Amino acid sequence: MRQKRKSEQSPSERVVRNIQRKTRKQYGAEEKIRIVLDGLRGEDSIAELCRQEGISQGLY
């Protein structure tokens, strides 16, 4: 069985991929700074902060 290339995706796979791109949250510079400062403040754990913001700890 051969693997599909990106250009050989089924139409449904392309639709799902486009939805994921459009629904991905993009953070502005001010939001990024606020999130980092909230983490440095230490009121909540990093794990809790990431859950609240909807980001992975690795991204933080």
N, C-alpha and C. Protein backbone atom coordinates (compact mmCIF):
# COMPACT_ATOMS: atom_id res chain seq x y z
N MET A 1 0.85 -1.18 0.00
CA MET A 1 0.00 0.00 0.00
C MET A 1 0.89 1.24 0.00
N ARG A 2 0.66 2.14 -0.93
CA ARG A 2 1.49 3.33 -1.00
C ARG A 2 0.87 4.47 -0.20
N GLN A 3 1.74 5.37 0.25
CA GLN A 3 1.27 6.51 1.04
C GLN A 3 0.80 7.62 0.12
N LYS A 4 -0.20 8.37 0.62
CA LYS A 4 -0.71 9.51 -0.14
C LYS A 4 0.20 10.71 0.08
N ARG A 5 0.39 11.47 -0.95
CA ARG A 5 1.08 12.75 -0.81
C ARG A 5 0.07 13.80 -0.42
N LYS A 6 0.56 14.97 -0.01
CA LYS A 6 -0.36 16.05 0.37
C LYS A 6 -1.29 16.42 -0.78
N SER A 7 -0.78 16.38 -2.00
CA SER A 7 -1.59 16.78 -3.15
C SER A 7 -2.63 15.72 -3.49
N GLU A 8 -2.53 14.54 -2.89
CA GLU A 8 -3.47 13.47 -3.17
C GLU A 8 -4.50 13.29 -2.06
N GLN A 9 -4.72 14.28 -1.23
CA GLN A 9 -5.69 14.18 -0.16
C GLN A 9 -7.10 14.12 -0.74
N SER A 10 -7.97 13.40 -0.03
CA SER A 10 -9.36 13.35 -0.46
C SER A 10 -10.01 14.71 -0.18
N PRO A 11 -11.10 15.00 -0.84
CA PRO A 11 -11.78 16.29 -0.61
C PRO A 11 -12.16 16.50 0.86
N SER A 12 -12.60 15.44 1.53
CA SER A 12 -12.99 15.58 2.93
C SER A 12 -11.78 15.90 3.81
N GLU A 13 -10.62 15.32 3.50
CA GLU A 13 -9.41 15.62 4.26
C GLU A 13 -9.01 17.07 4.07
N ARG A 14 -9.17 17.59 2.87
CA ARG A 14 -8.84 19.00 2.62
C ARG A 14 -9.77 19.93 3.38
N VAL A 15 -11.05 19.58 3.45
CA VAL A 15 -12.02 20.42 4.18
C VAL A 15 -11.67 20.46 5.66
N VAL A 16 -11.37 19.30 6.23
CA VAL A 16 -11.01 19.24 7.65
C VAL A 16 -9.75 20.05 7.91
N ARG A 17 -8.76 19.93 7.06
CA ARG A 17 -7.50 20.66 7.21
C ARG A 17 -7.74 22.17 7.16
N ASN A 18 -8.59 22.62 6.25
CA ASN A 18 -8.90 24.05 6.13
C ASN A 18 -9.64 24.57 7.36
N ILE A 19 -10.56 23.76 7.90
CA ILE A 19 -11.29 24.18 9.10
C ILE A 19 -10.31 24.32 10.27
N GLN A 20 -9.38 23.37 10.40
CA GLN A 20 -8.40 23.45 11.48
C GLN A 20 -7.56 24.71 11.36
N ARG A 21 -7.17 25.08 10.16
CA ARG A 21 -6.36 26.29 9.98
C ARG A 21 -7.14 27.54 10.36
N LYS A 22 -8.40 27.60 9.96
CA LYS A 22 -9.19 28.81 10.20
C LYS A 22 -9.63 28.95 11.65
N THR A 23 -9.71 27.83 12.39
CA THR A 23 -10.18 27.92 13.77
C THR A 23 -9.03 27.98 14.77
N ARG A 24 -7.80 27.93 14.28
CA ARG A 24 -6.64 28.01 15.17
C ARG A 24 -6.56 29.41 15.75
N LYS A 25 -6.42 29.51 17.06
CA LYS A 25 -6.36 30.82 17.70
C LYS A 25 -5.00 31.45 17.44
N GLN A 26 -5.03 32.71 17.09
CA GLN A 26 -3.79 33.45 16.89
C GLN A 26 -3.70 34.52 17.96
N TYR A 27 -2.55 34.54 18.64
CA TYR A 27 -2.34 35.47 19.73
C TYR A 27 -1.52 36.66 19.26
N GLY A 28 -1.96 37.84 19.62
CA GLY A 28 -1.20 39.05 19.33
C GLY A 28 -0.08 39.21 20.34
N ALA A 29 0.80 40.15 20.09
CA ALA A 29 1.95 40.37 20.97
C ALA A 29 1.51 40.71 22.39
N GLU A 30 0.48 41.53 22.53
CA GLU A 30 0.01 41.93 23.86
C GLU A 30 -0.54 40.74 24.63
N GLU A 31 -1.27 39.86 23.94
CA GLU A 31 -1.81 38.68 24.60
C GLU A 31 -0.69 37.75 25.06
N LYS A 32 0.33 37.58 24.21
CA LYS A 32 1.45 36.72 24.57
C LYS A 32 2.16 37.25 25.81
N ILE A 33 2.39 38.55 25.84
CA ILE A 33 3.06 39.17 26.99
C ILE A 33 2.22 38.99 28.25
N ARG A 34 0.91 39.20 28.13
CA ARG A 34 0.02 39.04 29.29
C ARG A 34 0.07 37.62 29.83
N ILE A 35 0.06 36.63 28.94
CA ILE A 35 0.08 35.23 29.37
C ILE A 35 1.39 34.91 30.08
N VAL A 36 2.51 35.36 29.52
CA VAL A 36 3.81 35.11 30.15
C VAL A 36 3.89 35.80 31.51
N LEU A 37 3.42 37.05 31.58
CA LEU A 37 3.46 37.76 32.86
C LEU A 37 2.57 37.09 33.90
N ASP A 38 1.41 36.58 33.48
CA ASP A 38 0.55 35.83 34.40
C ASP A 38 1.28 34.61 34.94
N GLY A 39 2.05 33.94 34.07
CA GLY A 39 2.82 32.79 34.52
C GLY A 39 3.92 33.17 35.49
N LEU A 40 4.58 34.28 35.24
CA LEU A 40 5.65 34.74 36.13
C LEU A 40 5.11 35.22 37.47
N ARG A 41 3.89 35.73 37.45
CA ARG A 41 3.28 36.21 38.69
C ARG A 41 3.09 35.05 39.66
N GLY A 42 2.81 33.86 39.14
CA GLY A 42 2.75 32.66 39.97
C GLY A 42 1.49 32.45 40.77
N GLU A 43 0.43 33.21 40.47
CA GLU A 43 -0.83 33.02 41.20
C GLU A 43 -1.44 31.66 40.90
N ASP A 44 -1.36 31.22 39.66
CA ASP A 44 -1.83 29.90 39.26
C ASP A 44 -0.62 29.12 38.74
N SER A 45 -0.76 27.79 38.73
CA SER A 45 0.32 26.99 38.16
C SER A 45 0.34 27.19 36.65
N ILE A 46 1.47 26.86 36.03
CA ILE A 46 1.59 26.98 34.58
C ILE A 46 0.56 26.08 33.91
N ALA A 47 0.37 24.88 34.47
CA ALA A 47 -0.61 23.95 33.90
C ALA A 47 -2.01 24.56 33.90
N GLU A 48 -2.39 25.18 35.01
CA GLU A 48 -3.71 25.80 35.12
C GLU A 48 -3.83 26.99 34.16
N LEU A 49 -2.80 27.80 34.08
CA LEU A 49 -2.80 28.94 33.16
C LEU A 49 -2.98 28.47 31.71
N CYS A 50 -2.25 27.43 31.35
CA CYS A 50 -2.35 26.90 29.98
C CYS A 50 -3.75 26.35 29.70
N ARG A 51 -4.35 25.68 30.69
CA ARG A 51 -5.73 25.19 30.51
C ARG A 51 -6.68 26.36 30.30
N GLN A 52 -6.53 27.41 31.09
CA GLN A 52 -7.41 28.57 30.97
C GLN A 52 -7.27 29.24 29.62
N GLU A 53 -6.06 29.30 29.10
CA GLU A 53 -5.80 29.98 27.83
C GLU A 53 -6.00 29.07 26.62
N GLY A 54 -6.10 27.75 26.87
CA GLY A 54 -6.29 26.82 25.78
C GLY A 54 -5.02 26.58 24.97
N ILE A 55 -3.88 26.60 25.64
CA ILE A 55 -2.62 26.34 24.95
C ILE A 55 -1.90 25.18 25.63
N SER A 56 -0.98 24.55 24.91
CA SER A 56 -0.23 23.44 25.50
C SER A 56 0.90 24.01 26.35
N GLN A 57 1.33 23.22 27.31
CA GLN A 57 2.44 23.67 28.17
C GLN A 57 3.71 23.80 27.35
N GLY A 58 3.88 22.99 26.35
CA GLY A 58 5.05 23.08 25.48
C GLY A 58 5.09 24.38 24.72
N LEU A 59 3.92 24.87 24.33
CA LEU A 59 3.84 26.14 23.63
C LEU A 59 4.17 27.29 24.56
N TYR A 60 3.73 27.17 25.82
CA TYR A 60 4.02 28.21 26.80
C TYR A 60 5.51 28.35 26.96
